[in-house]
Amino acid sequence: MTKDDGAGESAAIVAIGEAMVEFNAVRSDSPDTFVRGFGGDTSNMAIAAARLGARTAYVSRVGDDAFGRALLRLWADERVDTRGVATDPSASTGVYFVTHGPAGHEFSYLRAGSAAT
């Protein structure tokens, strides 16, 4: 893979996985207020490496929806090559919610049938 800027340089790191949109509860005593973020270990790693100056690329699928477009904008802003990311018009982008209880973080995934599964 080469960088999107046309420089012709190969990516030093290529990550494959499922990125998702994350909704994290602001406070444990207010579980109805969420902040949007992004998750997915492989996506996070590609972004972190790009921030450190590595040439990175990502291989995945996102839905042709607002969340998929938000992930594509995130990767573009972070200089992660996304030519290996397909947009699926018939599937949604995976989403998960994080709430906080006495036992710590609780995750609720809405990803069955998502574009990257």
PDB file of N, CA and C in Angstrom:
ATOM      1  N   MET A   1       0.841  -1.177   0.000  1.00  0.00           N
ATOM      2  CA  MET A   1       0.000   0.000   0.000  1.00  0.00           C
ATOM      3  C   MET A   1       0.882   1.235   0.000  1.00  0.00           C
ATOM      4  N   THR A   2       0.371   2.260  -0.590  1.00  0.00           N
ATOM      5  CA  THR A   2       1.089   3.526  -0.593  1.00  0.00           C
ATOM      6  C   THR A   2       0.268   4.569   0.136  1.00  0.00           C
ATOM      7  N   LYS A   3       0.906   5.631   0.481  1.00  0.00           N
ATOM      8  CA  LYS A   3       0.225   6.704   1.185  1.00  0.00           C
ATOM      9  C   LYS A   3      -0.772   7.385   0.256  1.00  0.00           C
ATOM     10  N   ASP A   4      -1.831   7.914   0.845  1.00  0.00           N
ATOM     11  CA  ASP A   4      -2.853   8.619   0.077  1.00  0.00           C
ATOM     12  C   ASP A   4      -2.330   9.898  -0.556  1.00  0.00           C
ATOM     13  N   ASP A   5      -1.225  10.448  -0.055  1.00  0.00           N
ATOM     14  CA  ASP A   5      -0.748  11.717  -0.575  1.00  0.00           C
ATOM     15  C   ASP A   5       0.025  11.574  -1.883  1.00  0.00           C
ATOM     16  N   GLY A   6       0.150  10.322  -2.383  1.00  0.00           N
ATOM     17  CA  GLY A   6       0.800  10.113  -3.655  1.00  0.00           C
ATOM     18  C   GLY A   6       2.306  10.101  -3.585  1.00  0.00           C
ATOM     19  N   ALA A   7       2.874  10.081  -2.391  1.00  0.00           N
ATOM     20  CA  ALA A   7       4.326  10.116  -2.250  1.00  0.00           C
ATOM     21  C   ALA A   7       4.980   8.820  -2.708  1.00  0.00           C
ATOM     22  N   GLY A   8       4.204   7.754  -2.867  1.00  0.00           N
ATOM     23  CA  GLY A   8       4.739   6.503  -3.357  1.00  0.00           C
ATOM     24  C   GLY A   8       5.458   5.676  -2.312  1.00  0.00           C
ATOM     25  N   GLU A   9       5.377   6.037  -1.064  1.00  0.00           N
ATOM     26  CA  GLU A   9       6.022   5.289  -0.003  1.00  0.00           C
ATOM     27  C   GLU A   9       5.105   4.175   0.479  1.00  0.00           C
ATOM     28  N   SER A  10       5.684   3.003   0.703  1.00  0.00           N
ATOM     29  CA  SER A  10       4.906   1.879   1.221  1.00  0.00           C
ATOM     30  C   SER A  10       4.609   2.092   2.695  1.00  0.00           C
ATOM     31  N   ALA A  11       3.467   1.557   3.123  1.00  0.00           N
ATOM     32  CA  ALA A  11       3.136   1.603   4.542  1.00  0.00           C
ATOM     33  C   ALA A  11       4.071   0.666   5.292  1.00  0.00           C
ATOM     34  N   ALA A  12       4.590   1.125   6.409  1.00  0.00           N
ATOM     35  CA  ALA A  12       5.458   0.302   7.236  1.00  0.00           C
ATOM     36  C   ALA A  12       4.641  -0.620   8.128  1.00  0.00           C
ATOM     37  N   ILE A  13       3.419  -0.200   8.462  1.00  0.00           N
ATOM     38  CA  ILE A  13       2.539  -0.973   9.340  1.00  0.00           C
ATOM     39  C   ILE A  13       1.166  -1.043   8.685  1.00  0.00           C
ATOM     40  N   VAL A  14       0.655  -2.253   8.535  1.00  0.00           N
ATOM     41  CA  VAL A  14      -0.692  -2.454   8.013  1.00  0.00           C
ATOM     42  C   VAL A  14      -1.484  -3.204   9.073  1.00  0.00           C
ATOM     43  N   ALA A  15      -2.601  -2.645   9.489  1.00  0.00           N
ATOM     44  CA  ALA A  15      -3.454  -3.262  10.501  1.00  0.00           C
ATOM     45  C   ALA A  15      -4.736  -3.751   9.840  1.00  0.00           C
ATOM     46  N   ILE A  16      -5.226  -4.885  10.310  1.00  0.00           N
ATOM     47  CA  ILE A  16      -6.468  -5.475   9.816  1.00  0.00           C
ATOM     48  C   ILE A  16      -7.386  -5.683  11.010  1.00  0.00           C
ATOM     49  N   GLY A  17      -8.631  -5.223  10.923  1.00  0.00           N
ATOM     50  CA  GLY A  17      -9.537  -5.433  12.043  1.00  0.00           C
ATOM     51  C   GLY A  17     -10.851  -4.712  11.885  1.00  0.00           C
ATOM     52  N   GLU A  18     -11.572  -4.640  12.997  1.00  0.00           N
ATOM     53  CA  GLU A  18     -12.866  -3.973  13.025  1.00  0.00           C
ATOM     54  C   GLU A  18     -12.798  -2.761  13.937  1.00  0.00           C
ATOM     55  N   ALA A  19     -13.001  -1.609  13.365  1.00  0.00           N
ATOM     56  CA  ALA A  19     -13.129  -0.385  14.155  1.00  0.00           C
ATOM     57  C   ALA A  19     -14.606  -0.142  14.394  1.00  0.00           C
ATOM     58  N   MET A  20     -14.919   0.446  15.528  1.00  0.00           N
ATOM     59  CA  MET A  20     -16.307   0.716  15.863  1.00  0.00           C
ATOM     60  C   MET A  20     -16.436   2.116  16.444  1.00  0.00           C
ATOM     61  N   VAL A  21     -17.654   2.607  16.433  1.00  0.00           N
ATOM     62  CA  VAL A  21     -17.953   3.864  17.089  1.00  0.00           C
ATOM     63  C   VAL A  21     -18.318   3.533  18.530  1.00  0.00           C
ATOM     64  N   GLU A  22     -17.756   4.303  19.446  1.00  0.00           N
ATOM     65  CA  GLU A  22     -17.946   4.059  20.878  1.00  0.00           C
ATOM     66  C   GLU A  22     -18.781   5.176  21.482  1.00  0.00           C
ATOM     67  N   PHE A  23     -19.711   4.797  22.336  1.00  0.00           N
ATOM     68  CA  PHE A  23     -20.451   5.766  23.142  1.00  0.00           C
ATOM     69  C   PHE A  23     -20.158   5.448  24.593  1.00  0.00           C
ATOM     70  N   ASN A  24     -19.467   6.365  25.262  1.00  0.00           N
ATOM     71  CA  ASN A  24     -19.002   6.153  26.628  1.00  0.00           C
ATOM     72  C   ASN A  24     -19.825   7.010  27.579  1.00  0.00           C
ATOM     73  N   ALA A  25     -20.421   6.361  28.601  1.00  0.00           N
ATOM     74  CA  ALA A  25     -21.207   7.101  29.588  1.00  0.00           C
ATOM     75  C   ALA A  25     -20.318   8.118  30.278  1.00  0.00           C
ATOM     76  N   VAL A  26     -20.831   9.328  30.408  1.00  0.00           N
ATOM     77  CA  VAL A  26     -20.051  10.409  30.993  1.00  0.00           C
ATOM     78  C   VAL A  26     -19.745  10.125  32.466  1.00  0.00           C
ATOM     79  N   ARG A  27     -20.759   9.696  33.207  1.00  0.00           N
ATOM     80  CA  ARG A  27     -20.572   9.412  34.639  1.00  0.00           C
ATOM     81  C   ARG A  27     -21.388   8.189  35.005  1.00  0.00           C
ATOM     82  N   SER A  28     -20.932   7.466  36.019  1.00  0.00           N
ATOM     83  CA  SER A  28     -21.665   6.273  36.441  1.00  0.00           C
ATOM     84  C   SER A  28     -23.019   6.622  37.041  1.00  0.00           C
ATOM     85  N   ASP A  29     -23.150   7.826  37.619  1.00  0.00           N
ATOM     86  CA  ASP A  29     -24.437   8.221  38.197  1.00  0.00           C
ATOM     87  C   ASP A  29     -25.358   8.868  37.176  1.00  0.00           C
ATOM     88  N   SER A  30     -24.910   8.977  35.920  1.00  0.00           N
ATOM     89  CA  SER A  30     -25.718   9.538  34.848  1.00  0.00           C
ATOM     90  C   SER A  30     -25.535   8.688  33.592  1.00  0.00           C
ATOM     91  N   PRO A  31     -26.061   7.460  33.595  1.00  0.00           N
ATOM     92  CA  PRO A  31     -25.798   6.540  32.476  1.00  0.00           C
ATOM     93  C   PRO A  31     -26.540   6.872  31.189  1.00  0.00           C
ATOM     94  N   ASP A  32     -27.276   7.974  31.153  1.00  0.00           N
ATOM     95  CA  ASP A  32     -28.019   8.340  29.952  1.00  0.00           C
ATOM     96  C   ASP A  32     -27.305   9.397  29.109  1.00  0.00           C
ATOM     97  N   THR A  33     -26.137   9.845  29.525  1.00  0.00           N
ATOM     98  CA  THR A  33     -25.379  10.846  28.792  1.00  0.00           C
ATOM     99  C   THR A  33     -24.083  10.208  28.307  1.00  0.00           C
ATOM    100  N   PHE A  34     -23.883  10.217  26.986  1.00  0.00           N
ATOM    101  CA  PHE A  34     -22.745   9.538  26.385  1.00  0.00           C
ATOM    102  C   PHE A  34     -21.914  10.506  25.552  1.00  0.00           C
ATOM    103  N   VAL A  35     -20.625  10.209  25.456  1.00  0.00           N
ATOM    104  CA  VAL A  35     -19.703  10.939  24.597  1.00  0.00           C
ATOM    105  C   VAL A  35     -19.271   9.988  23.488  1.00  0.00           C
ATOM    106  N   ARG A  36     -19.329  10.458  22.247  1.00  0.00           N
ATOM    107  CA  ARG A  36     -18.926   9.613  21.124  1.00  0.00           C
ATOM    108  C   ARG A  36     -17.412   9.583  20.997  1.00  0.00           C
ATOM    109  N   GLY A  37     -16.912   8.404  20.722  1.00  0.00           N
ATOM    110  CA  GLY A  37     -15.493   8.217  20.456  1.00  0.00           C
ATOM    111  C   GLY A  37     -15.345   7.097  19.437  1.00  0.00           C
ATOM    112  N   PHE A  38     -14.152   6.555  19.349  1.00  0.00           N
ATOM    113  CA  PHE A  38     -13.884   5.490  18.392  1.00  0.00           C
ATOM    114  C   PHE A  38     -13.110   4.391  19.096  1.00  0.00           C
ATOM    115  N   GLY A  39     -13.375   3.165  18.726  1.00  0.00           N
ATOM    116  CA  GLY A  39     -12.691   2.039  19.338  1.00  0.00           C
ATOM    117  C   GLY A  39     -12.278   1.016  18.308  1.00  0.00           C
ATOM    118  N   GLY A  40     -11.557   0.053  18.805  1.00  0.00           N
ATOM    119  CA  GLY A  40     -11.020  -1.008  17.971  1.00  0.00           C
ATOM    120  C   GLY A  40      -9.510  -1.018  18.146  1.00  0.00           C
ATOM    121  N   ASP A  41      -8.999  -2.077  18.749  1.00  0.00           N
ATOM    122  CA  ASP A  41      -7.570  -2.126  19.074  1.00  0.00           C
ATOM    123  C   ASP A  41      -6.682  -1.898  17.859  1.00  0.00           C
ATOM    124  N   THR A  42      -7.028  -2.508  16.728  1.00  0.00           N
ATOM    125  CA  THR A  42      -6.169  -2.378  15.549  1.00  0.00           C
ATOM    126  C   THR A  42      -6.205  -0.963  14.987  1.00  0.00           C
ATOM    127  N   SER A  43      -7.364  -0.343  15.004  1.00  0.00           N
ATOM    128  CA  SER A  43      -7.472   1.046  14.557  1.00  0.00           C
ATOM    129  C   SER A  43      -6.691   1.962  15.494  1.00  0.00           C
ATOM    130  N   ASN A  44      -6.845   1.749  16.788  1.00  0.00           N
ATOM    131  CA  ASN A  44      -6.121   2.564  17.768  1.00  0.00           C
ATOM    132  C   ASN A  44      -4.613   2.440  17.571  1.00  0.00           C
ATOM    133  N   MET A  45      -4.141   1.231  17.289  1.00  0.00           N
ATOM    134  CA  MET A  45      -2.709   1.010  17.084  1.00  0.00           C
ATOM    135  C   MET A  45      -2.225   1.728  15.823  1.00  0.00           C
ATOM    136  N   ALA A  46      -2.992   1.645  14.738  1.00  0.00           N
ATOM    137  CA  ALA A  46      -2.601   2.315  13.491  1.00  0.00           C
ATOM    138  C   ALA A  46      -2.529   3.828  13.694  1.00  0.00           C
ATOM    139  N   ILE A  47      -3.485   4.373  14.423  1.00  0.00           N
ATOM    140  CA  ILE A  47      -3.490   5.816  14.699  1.00  0.00           C
ATOM    141  C   ILE A  47      -2.306   6.195  15.579  1.00  0.00           C
ATOM    142  N   ALA A  48      -2.055   5.421  16.628  1.00  0.00           N
ATOM    143  CA  ALA A  48      -0.933   5.721  17.528  1.00  0.00           C
ATOM    144  C   ALA A  48       0.390   5.680  16.769  1.00  0.00           C
ATOM    145  N   ALA A  49       0.574   4.671  15.919  1.00  0.00           N
ATOM    146  CA  ALA A  49       1.814   4.567  15.145  1.00  0.00           C
ATOM    147  C   ALA A  49       1.950   5.733  14.171  1.00  0.00           C
ATOM    148  N   ALA A  50       0.832   6.130  13.541  1.00  0.00           N
ATOM    149  CA  ALA A  50       0.873   7.270  12.618  1.00  0.00           C
ATOM    150  C   ALA A  50       1.243   8.550  13.370  1.00  0.00           C
ATOM    151  N   ARG A  51       0.719   8.713  14.569  1.00  0.00           N
ATOM    152  CA  ARG A  51       1.056   9.900  15.367  1.00  0.00           C
ATOM    153  C   ARG A  51       2.540   9.942  15.721  1.00  0.00           C
ATOM    154  N   LEU A  52       3.152   8.760  15.797  1.00  0.00           N
ATOM    155  CA  LEU A  52       4.582   8.682  16.102  1.00  0.00           C
ATOM    156  C   LEU A  52       5.443   8.793  14.844  1.00  0.00           C
ATOM    157  N   GLY A  53       4.793   8.955  13.688  1.00  0.00           N
ATOM    158  CA  GLY A  53       5.521   9.174  12.457  1.00  0.00           C
ATOM    159  C   GLY A  53       5.616   7.982  11.522  1.00  0.00           C
ATOM    160  N   ALA A  54       5.045   6.843  11.890  1.00  0.00           N
ATOM    161  CA  ALA A  54       5.088   5.668  11.017  1.00  0.00           C
ATOM    162  C   ALA A  54       4.084   5.816   9.881  1.00  0.00           C
ATOM    163  N   ARG A  55       4.396   5.241   8.753  1.00  0.00           N
ATOM    164  CA  ARG A  55       3.456   5.178   7.631  1.00  0.00           C
ATOM    165  C   ARG A  55       2.552   3.973   7.891  1.00  0.00           C
ATOM    166  N   THR A  56       1.253   4.223   8.081  1.00  0.00           N
ATOM    167  CA  THR A  56       0.331   3.149   8.438  1.00  0.00           C
ATOM    168  C   THR A  56      -0.798   3.046   7.423  1.00  0.00           C
ATOM    169  N   ALA A  57      -1.387   1.849   7.385  1.00  0.00           N
ATOM    170  CA  ALA A  57      -2.553   1.595   6.543  1.00  0.00           C
ATOM    171  C   ALA A  57      -3.509   0.711   7.323  1.00  0.00           C
ATOM    172  N   TYR A  58      -4.777   0.787   6.966  1.00  0.00           N
ATOM    173  CA  TYR A  58      -5.802   0.009   7.655  1.00  0.00           C
ATOM    174  C   TYR A  58      -6.625  -0.759   6.639  1.00  0.00           C
ATOM    175  N   VAL A  59      -6.956  -2.002   6.975  1.00  0.00           N
ATOM    176  CA  VAL A  59      -7.779  -2.862   6.133  1.00  0.00           C
ATOM    177  C   VAL A  59      -9.006  -3.266   6.941  1.00  0.00           C
ATOM    178  N   SER A  60     -10.178  -2.918   6.455  1.00  0.00           N
ATOM    179  CA  SER A  60     -11.421  -3.217   7.165  1.00  0.00           C
ATOM    180  C   SER A  60     -12.609  -2.930   6.253  1.00  0.00           C
ATOM    181  N   ARG A  61     -13.786  -2.950   6.840  1.00  0.00           N
ATOM    182  CA  ARG A  61     -15.023  -2.541   6.173  1.00  0.00           C
ATOM    183  C   ARG A  61     -15.808  -1.674   7.135  1.00  0.00           C
ATOM    184  N   VAL A  62     -16.452  -0.669   6.595  1.00  0.00           N
ATOM    185  CA  VAL A  62     -17.367   0.168   7.365  1.00  0.00           C
ATOM    186  C   VAL A  62     -18.683   0.233   6.608  1.00  0.00           C
ATOM    187  N   GLY A  63     -19.732   0.584   7.312  1.00  0.00           N
ATOM    188  CA  GLY A  63     -21.017   0.772   6.654  1.00  0.00           C
ATOM    189  C   GLY A  63     -21.056   2.081   5.896  1.00  0.00           C
ATOM    190  N   ASP A  64     -21.960   2.165   4.952  1.00  0.00           N
ATOM    191  CA  ASP A  64     -22.179   3.410   4.215  1.00  0.00           C
ATOM    192  C   ASP A  64     -23.175   4.240   5.020  1.00  0.00           C
ATOM    193  N   ASP A  65     -22.713   4.692   6.182  1.00  0.00           N
ATOM    194  CA  ASP A  65     -23.568   5.422   7.110  1.00  0.00           C
ATOM    195  C   ASP A  65     -22.749   6.517   7.779  1.00  0.00           C
ATOM    196  N   ALA A  66     -23.388   7.304   8.619  1.00  0.00           N
ATOM    197  CA  ALA A  66     -22.709   8.426   9.277  1.00  0.00           C
ATOM    198  C   ALA A  66     -21.528   7.949  10.119  1.00  0.00           C
ATOM    199  N   PHE A  67     -21.656   6.788  10.760  1.00  0.00           N
ATOM    200  CA  PHE A  67     -20.573   6.290  11.599  1.00  0.00           C
ATOM    201  C   PHE A  67     -19.387   5.825  10.752  1.00  0.00           C
ATOM    202  N   GLY A  68     -19.658   5.181   9.631  1.00  0.00           N
ATOM    203  CA  GLY A  68     -18.580   4.779   8.737  1.00  0.00           C
ATOM    204  C   GLY A  68     -17.843   5.982   8.182  1.00  0.00           C
ATOM    205  N   ARG A  69     -18.606   7.014   7.805  1.00  0.00           N
ATOM    206  CA  ARG A  69     -17.981   8.241   7.300  1.00  0.00           C
ATOM    207  C   ARG A  69     -17.156   8.928   8.389  1.00  0.00           C
ATOM    208  N   ALA A  70     -17.612   8.868   9.639  1.00  0.00           N
ATOM    209  CA  ALA A  70     -16.857   9.465  10.743  1.00  0.00           C
ATOM    210  C   ALA A  70     -15.532   8.730  10.944  1.00  0.00           C
ATOM    211  N   LEU A  71     -15.537   7.407  10.825  1.00  0.00           N
ATOM    212  CA  LEU A  71     -14.282   6.655  10.938  1.00  0.00           C
ATOM    213  C   LEU A  71     -13.340   6.998   9.793  1.00  0.00           C
ATOM    214  N   LEU A  72     -13.859   7.108   8.585  1.00  0.00           N
ATOM    215  CA  LEU A  72     -13.010   7.470   7.447  1.00  0.00           C
ATOM    216  C   LEU A  72     -12.397   8.860   7.633  1.00  0.00           C
ATOM    217  N   ARG A  73     -13.169   9.810   8.179  1.00  0.00           N
ATOM    218  CA  ARG A  73     -12.636  11.155   8.467  1.00  0.00           C
ATOM    219  C   ARG A  73     -11.547  11.085   9.533  1.00  0.00           C
ATOM    220  N   LEU A  74     -11.786  10.273  10.575  1.00  0.00           N
ATOM    221  CA  LEU A  74     -10.794  10.109  11.634  1.00  0.00           C
ATOM    222  C   LEU A  74      -9.478   9.616  11.058  1.00  0.00           C
ATOM    223  N   TRP A  75      -9.522   8.554  10.258  1.00  0.00           N
ATOM    224  CA  TRP A  75      -8.294   8.002   9.693  1.00  0.00           C
ATOM    225  C   TRP A  75      -7.615   8.999   8.755  1.00  0.00           C
ATOM    226  N   ALA A  76      -8.398   9.734   7.986  1.00  0.00           N
ATOM    227  CA  ALA A  76      -7.807  10.752   7.099  1.00  0.00           C
ATOM    228  C   ALA A  76      -7.106  11.822   7.933  1.00  0.00           C
ATOM    229  N   ASP A  77      -7.763  12.277   8.989  1.00  0.00           N
ATOM    230  CA  ASP A  77      -7.172  13.295   9.856  1.00  0.00           C
ATOM    231  C   ASP A  77      -5.898  12.793  10.521  1.00  0.00           C
ATOM    232  N   GLU A  78      -5.852  11.496  10.806  1.00  0.00           N
ATOM    233  CA  GLU A  78      -4.693  10.899  11.492  1.00  0.00           C
ATOM    234  C   GLU A  78      -3.634  10.382  10.511  1.00  0.00           C
ATOM    235  N   ARG A  79      -3.853  10.589   9.212  1.00  0.00           N
ATOM    236  CA  ARG A  79      -2.911  10.179   8.164  1.00  0.00           C
ATOM    237  C   ARG A  79      -2.707   8.671   8.098  1.00  0.00           C
ATOM    238  N   VAL A  80      -3.814   7.926   8.244  1.00  0.00           N
ATOM    239  CA  VAL A  80      -3.795   6.478   8.069  1.00  0.00           C
ATOM    240  C   VAL A  80      -4.347   6.189   6.674  1.00  0.00           C
ATOM    241  N   ASP A  81      -3.601   5.452   5.872  1.00  0.00           N
ATOM    242  CA  ASP A  81      -4.012   5.097   4.510  1.00  0.00           C
ATOM    243  C   ASP A  81      -5.242   4.192   4.597  1.00  0.00           C
ATOM    244  N   THR A  82      -6.317   4.572   3.936  1.00  0.00           N
ATOM    245  CA  THR A  82      -7.573   3.822   4.021  1.00  0.00           C
ATOM    246  C   THR A  82      -7.987   3.172   2.708  1.00  0.00           C
ATOM    247  N   ARG A  83      -7.055   3.052   1.776  1.00  0.00           N
ATOM    248  CA  ARG A  83      -7.451   2.417   0.512  1.00  0.00           C
ATOM    249  C   ARG A  83      -7.838   0.961   0.701  1.00  0.00           C
ATOM    250  N   GLY A  84      -7.488   0.361   1.822  1.00  0.00           N
ATOM    251  CA  GLY A  84      -7.888  -1.002   2.119  1.00  0.00           C
ATOM    252  C   GLY A  84      -9.190  -1.090   2.901  1.00  0.00           C
ATOM    253  N   VAL A  85      -9.868   0.028   3.078  1.00  0.00           N
ATOM    254  CA  VAL A  85     -11.144   0.053   3.794  1.00  0.00           C
ATOM    255  C   VAL A  85     -12.278   0.114   2.775  1.00  0.00           C
ATOM    256  N   ALA A  86     -13.118  -0.905   2.792  1.00  0.00           N
ATOM    257  CA  ALA A  86     -14.274  -0.946   1.895  1.00  0.00           C
ATOM    258  C   ALA A  86     -15.489  -0.360   2.603  1.00  0.00           C
ATOM    259  N   THR A  87     -16.343   0.273   1.826  1.00  0.00           N
ATOM    260  CA  THR A  87     -17.612   0.783   2.346  1.00  0.00           C
ATOM    261  C   THR A  87     -18.720  -0.128   1.856  1.00  0.00           C
ATOM    262  N   ASP A  88     -19.478  -0.677   2.792  1.00  0.00           N
ATOM    263  CA  ASP A  88     -20.533  -1.635   2.484  1.00  0.00           C
ATOM    264  C   ASP A  88     -21.887  -0.932   2.529  1.00  0.00           C
ATOM    265  N   PRO A  89     -22.568  -0.797   1.392  1.00  0.00           N
ATOM    266  CA  PRO A  89     -23.853  -0.094   1.378  1.00  0.00           C
ATOM    267  C   PRO A  89     -24.993  -0.889   2.017  1.00  0.00           C
ATOM    268  N   SER A  90     -24.777  -2.171   2.299  1.00  0.00           N
ATOM    269  CA  SER A  90     -25.868  -2.991   2.834  1.00  0.00           C
ATOM    270  C   SER A  90     -25.667  -3.391   4.294  1.00  0.00           C
ATOM    271  N   ALA A  91     -24.651  -2.858   4.954  1.00  0.00           N
ATOM    272  CA  ALA A  91     -24.406  -3.194   6.357  1.00  0.00           C
ATOM    273  C   ALA A  91     -24.054  -1.932   7.127  1.00  0.00           C
ATOM    274  N   SER A  92     -24.288  -1.979   8.419  1.00  0.00           N
ATOM    275  CA  SER A  92     -23.986  -0.818   9.255  1.00  0.00           C
ATOM    276  C   SER A  92     -22.595  -0.934   9.856  1.00  0.00           C
ATOM    277  N   THR A  93     -22.108   0.177  10.354  1.00  0.00           N
ATOM    278  CA  THR A  93     -20.848   0.205  11.083  1.00  0.00           C
ATOM    279  C   THR A  93     -21.119  -0.245  12.512  1.00  0.00           C
ATOM    280  N   GLY A  94     -20.206  -1.045  13.079  1.00  0.00           N
ATOM    281  CA  GLY A  94     -20.376  -1.530  14.448  1.00  0.00           C
ATOM    282  C   GLY A  94     -20.326  -0.405  15.468  1.00  0.00           C
ATOM    283  N   VAL A  95     -21.123  -0.570  16.522  1.00  0.00           N
ATOM    284  CA  VAL A  95     -21.235   0.418  17.587  1.00  0.00           C
ATOM    285  C   VAL A  95     -21.178  -0.320  18.925  1.00  0.00           C
ATOM    286  N   TYR A  96     -20.598   0.328  19.928  1.00  0.00           N
ATOM    287  CA  TYR A  96     -20.701  -0.224  21.276  1.00  0.00           C
ATOM    288  C   TYR A  96     -20.845   0.888  22.298  1.00  0.00           C
ATOM    289  N   PHE A  97     -21.441   0.519  23.422  1.00  0.00           N
ATOM    290  CA  PHE A  97     -21.683   1.443  24.522  1.00  0.00           C
ATOM    291  C   PHE A  97     -20.878   0.991  25.732  1.00  0.00           C
ATOM    292  N   VAL A  98     -20.318   1.952  26.446  1.00  0.00           N
ATOM    293  CA  VAL A  98     -19.576   1.663  27.663  1.00  0.00           C
ATOM    294  C   VAL A  98     -20.281   2.374  28.813  1.00  0.00           C
ATOM    295  N   THR A  99     -20.693   1.600  29.811  1.00  0.00           N
ATOM    296  CA  THR A  99     -21.223   2.170  31.043  1.00  0.00           C
ATOM    297  C   THR A  99     -20.295   1.757  32.176  1.00  0.00           C
ATOM    298  N   HIS A 100     -20.484   2.376  33.321  1.00  0.00           N
ATOM    299  CA  HIS A 100     -19.578   2.147  34.441  1.00  0.00           C
ATOM    300  C   HIS A 100     -20.390   1.745  35.658  1.00  0.00           C
ATOM    301  N   GLY A 101     -20.110   0.570  36.181  1.00  0.00           N
ATOM    302  CA  GLY A 101     -20.812   0.071  37.352  1.00  0.00           C
ATOM    303  C   GLY A 101     -19.836  -0.289  38.457  1.00  0.00           C
ATOM    304  N   PRO A 102     -20.328  -0.907  39.516  1.00  0.00           N
ATOM    305  CA  PRO A 102     -19.470  -1.281  40.645  1.00  0.00           C
ATOM    306  C   PRO A 102     -18.320  -2.213  40.245  1.00  0.00           C
ATOM    307  N   ALA A 103     -18.538  -3.020  39.231  1.00  0.00           N
ATOM    308  CA  ALA A 103     -17.496  -3.958  38.786  1.00  0.00           C
ATOM    309  C   ALA A 103     -16.568  -3.333  37.737  1.00  0.00           C
ATOM    310  N   GLY A 104     -16.795  -2.088  37.375  1.00  0.00           N
ATOM    311  CA  GLY A 104     -15.959  -1.428  36.377  1.00  0.00           C
ATOM    312  C   GLY A 104     -16.700  -1.190  35.082  1.00  0.00           C
ATOM    313  N   HIS A 105     -15.971  -1.232  33.978  1.00  0.00           N
ATOM    314  CA  HIS A 105     -16.557  -0.976  32.657  1.00  0.00           C
ATOM    315  C   HIS A 105     -17.482  -2.126  32.254  1.00  0.00           C
ATOM    316  N   GLU A 106     -18.620  -1.749  31.692  1.00  0.00           N
ATOM    317  CA  GLU A 106     -19.557  -2.724  31.132  1.00  0.00           C
ATOM    318  C   GLU A 106     -19.768  -2.359  29.666  1.00  0.00           C
ATOM    319  N   PHE A 107     -19.584  -3.344  28.782  1.00  0.00           N
ATOM    320  CA  PHE A 107     -19.656  -3.113  27.345  1.00  0.00           C
ATOM    321  C   PHE A 107     -20.914  -3.747  26.766  1.00  0.00           C
ATOM    322  N   SER A 108     -21.600  -3.009  25.910  1.00  0.00           N
ATOM    323  CA  SER A 108     -22.757  -3.514  25.169  1.00  0.00           C
ATOM    324  C   SER A 108     -22.467  -3.311  23.692  1.00  0.00           C
ATOM    325  N   TYR A 109     -22.306  -4.412  22.963  1.00  0.00           N
ATOM    326  CA  TYR A 109     -21.926  -4.355  21.552  1.00  0.00           C
ATOM    327  C   TYR A 109     -23.144  -4.479  20.651  1.00  0.00           C
ATOM    328  N   LEU A 110     -23.196  -3.640  19.619  1.00  0.00           N
ATOM    329  CA  LEU A 110     -24.214  -3.710  18.570  1.00  0.00           C
ATOM    330  C   LEU A 110     -23.442  -3.912  17.273  1.00  0.00           C
ATOM    331  N   ARG A 111     -22.961  -5.141  17.070  1.00  0.00           N
ATOM    332  CA  ARG A 111     -22.112  -5.365  15.906  1.00  0.00           C
ATOM    333  C   ARG A 111     -22.471  -6.595  15.102  1.00  0.00           C
ATOM    334  N   ALA A 112     -23.455  -7.365  15.532  1.00  0.00           N
ATOM    335  CA  ALA A 112     -23.871  -8.528  14.751  1.00  0.00           C
ATOM    336  C   ALA A 112     -24.325  -8.065  13.374  1.00  0.00           C
ATOM    337  N   GLY A 113     -23.717  -8.626  12.331  1.00  0.00           N
ATOM    338  CA  GLY A 113     -24.068  -8.260  10.975  1.00  0.00           C
ATOM    339  C   GLY A 113     -23.466  -6.941  10.513  1.00  0.00           C
ATOM    340  N   SER A 114     -22.552  -6.387  11.295  1.00  0.00           N
ATOM    341  CA  SER A 114     -21.929  -5.120  10.880  1.00  0.00           C
ATOM    342  C   SER A 114     -21.027  -5.343   9.676  1.00  0.00           C
ATOM    343  N   ALA A 115     -20.634  -4.265   9.046  1.00  0.00           N
ATOM    344  CA  ALA A 115     -19.849  -4.345   7.809  1.00  0.00           C
ATOM    345  C   ALA A 115     -18.547  -5.115   8.007  1.00  0.00           C
ATOM    346  N   ALA A 116     -17.886  -4.955   9.130  1.00  0.00           N
ATOM    347  CA  ALA A 116     -16.582  -5.592   9.337  1.00  0.00           C
ATOM    348  C   ALA A 116     -16.697  -7.023   9.856  1.00  0.00           C
ATOM    349  N   THR A 117     -17.878  -7.450  10.284  1.00  0.00           N
ATOM    350  CA  THR A 117     -17.993  -8.836  10.744  1.00  0.00           C
ATOM    351  C   THR A 117     -18.077  -9.749   9.551  1.00  0.00           C
TER     352      THR A 117
END
